[in-house]
Protein backbone atom coordinates (compact mmCIF):
# COMPACT_ATOMS: atom_id res chain seq x y z
CA TYR A 1 -37.95 58.32 11.94
CA TRP A 2 -36.48 58.05 8.50
CA ALA A 3 -36.11 54.50 8.59
CA GLU A 4 -39.70 54.16 9.29
CA MET A 5 -40.43 56.49 6.17
CA GLY A 6 -38.33 53.63 4.38
CA LEU A 7 -34.92 55.33 3.40
CA SER A 8 -31.99 53.62 3.66
CA VAL A 9 -29.14 53.71 5.97
CA GLU A 10 -27.29 55.03 2.86
CA ALA A 11 -29.99 57.98 2.01
CA ILE A 12 -29.78 58.85 5.86
CA SER A 13 -26.07 59.24 5.89
CA ILE A 14 -26.39 61.40 2.39
CA LEU A 15 -28.78 63.76 4.65
CA GLN A 16 -26.27 63.70 7.31
CA ALA A 17 -23.46 64.71 4.47
CA ALA A 18 -25.74 67.26 2.96
CA MET A 19 -26.62 69.06 5.85
CA ALA A 20 -22.85 69.18 6.89
CA THR A 21 -22.15 70.53 3.58
CA ALA A 22 -24.67 73.02 3.27
CA TYR A 23 -23.11 74.12 6.97
CA ALA A 24 -19.28 74.63 5.75
CA ILE A 25 -20.77 75.95 2.42
CA CYS A 26 -22.64 78.47 3.69
CA SER A 27 -20.57 79.58 6.85
CA MET A 28 -18.36 81.59 4.64
CA GLY A 29 -21.27 83.60 2.99
CA TRP A 30 -22.73 83.65 6.52
CA GLY A 31 -19.39 85.09 8.33
CA HIS A 32 -19.15 87.62 5.08
CA ILE A 33 -22.71 89.32 6.09
CA SER A 34 -22.04 88.94 9.88
CA ASP A 35 -18.80 91.22 9.37
CA ARG A 36 -21.12 93.83 7.53
CA THR A 37 -24.30 93.89 9.53
CA ARG A 38 -25.47 93.49 13.42
CA PRO A 39 -25.05 89.98 14.07
CA ASP A 40 -27.48 89.67 16.52
CA VAL A 41 -30.08 90.10 13.65
CA LEU A 42 -28.58 87.31 11.89
CA ILE A 43 -28.60 85.06 15.14
CA ALA A 44 -32.39 85.82 15.35
CA VAL A 45 -33.39 85.52 11.67
CA GLY A 46 -31.75 82.30 11.71
CA LEU A 47 -33.53 81.49 14.84
CA LEU A 48 -37.06 82.52 13.60
CA MET A 49 -36.37 80.35 10.40
CA ALA A 50 -35.40 77.60 12.32
CA GLY A 51 -38.49 77.49 14.41
CA LEU A 52 -40.77 77.83 11.39
CA THR A 53 -39.01 75.04 9.47
CA TYR A 54 -39.32 72.37 12.55
CA GLY A 55 -42.38 71.23 12.14
CA PHE A 56 -41.43 70.10 8.72
CA ILE A 57 -39.13 67.37 9.57
CA SER A 58 -42.31 65.72 10.47
CA SER A 59 -43.54 65.95 7.47
CA PRO A 60 -45.04 62.84 6.02
CA SER A 61 -42.55 63.73 2.65
CA PRO A 62 -39.47 62.32 2.66
CA VAL A 63 -38.43 64.95 0.47
CA LEU A 64 -39.68 68.15 2.51
CA SER A 65 -38.31 66.37 5.26
CA GLY A 66 -34.58 65.97 3.72
CA ALA A 67 -34.67 69.15 2.78
CA THR A 68 -35.86 70.78 5.75
CA PHE A 69 -32.66 69.05 7.20
CA VAL A 70 -30.24 70.15 4.52
CA LEU A 71 -32.21 73.82 5.51
CA TRP A 72 -31.15 73.54 9.01
CA GLY A 73 -27.42 73.64 8.10
CA VAL A 74 -27.57 76.51 6.39
CA LEU A 75 -29.75 77.78 9.27
CA GLY A 76 -27.73 76.51 11.88
CA SER A 77 -24.51 78.44 10.32
CA CYS A 78 -26.57 81.38 10.27
CA VAL A 79 -27.02 81.44 14.24
CA THR A 80 -23.41 79.92 15.19
CA VAL A 81 -21.12 81.60 13.02
CA PRO A 82 -22.10 85.30 14.29
CA ALA A 83 -22.27 84.40 17.85
CA ILE A 84 -18.80 82.56 17.90
CA PRO A 85 -17.02 86.33 17.98
CA ALA A 86 -19.42 86.95 20.76
CA LEU A 87 -18.19 84.96 22.55
CA LEU A 88 -14.45 85.33 22.21
CA LYS A 89 -15.14 88.99 23.05
CA ALA A 90 -17.15 87.77 26.39
CA VAL A 91 -13.63 85.23 27.16
CA GLU A 92 -11.11 88.45 26.69
CA GLU A 93 -13.92 91.06 28.56
CA GLY A 94 -14.89 88.56 31.41
CA GLY A 95 -11.01 86.80 31.79
CA PRO A 96 -10.54 82.95 32.86
CA GLU A 97 -13.68 82.87 34.75
CA VAL A 98 -15.91 82.80 31.56
CA VAL A 99 -13.79 80.42 29.85
CA GLY A 100 -15.29 77.57 30.86
CA LEU A 101 -19.24 78.82 30.38
CA ALA A 102 -17.95 80.07 26.64
CA ILE A 103 -16.40 76.62 25.75
CA GLY A 104 -19.75 74.77 27.11
CA VAL A 105 -22.02 77.46 24.96
CA GLU A 106 -19.79 76.59 21.89
CA GLU A 107 -19.90 72.84 22.23
CA THR A 108 -23.60 72.84 22.87
CA MET A 109 -24.03 74.98 19.56
CA TYR A 110 -21.79 72.28 18.04
CA PHE A 111 -23.64 69.14 18.77
CA CYS A 112 -26.75 71.01 18.20
CA ARG A 113 -26.42 71.53 14.68
CA GLU A 114 -25.30 68.09 14.38
């Protein structure tokens, strides 16, 4: 899509790196907030905001589209960071029967944010 907008491979790579950097930086903050609030609220807010910004990714403006892509890195960490402790708790309580399911959910979250 961005190649059709005239962005070079280098610019697209910078956007990918910016999204990953935003995810890494914001994960620490979301983890801190998640420890002090209800994680389900953070997950809901992250999913709602990601849904609201979904339409901006196909904007005709490369700046708005790129900014939305980086914002998804922030929102991706808002959703996945609070969910990981819940997955670990499910594995502890569910035993070995749910380990595969928990790993599958974590891998899905990882690849969806990439």
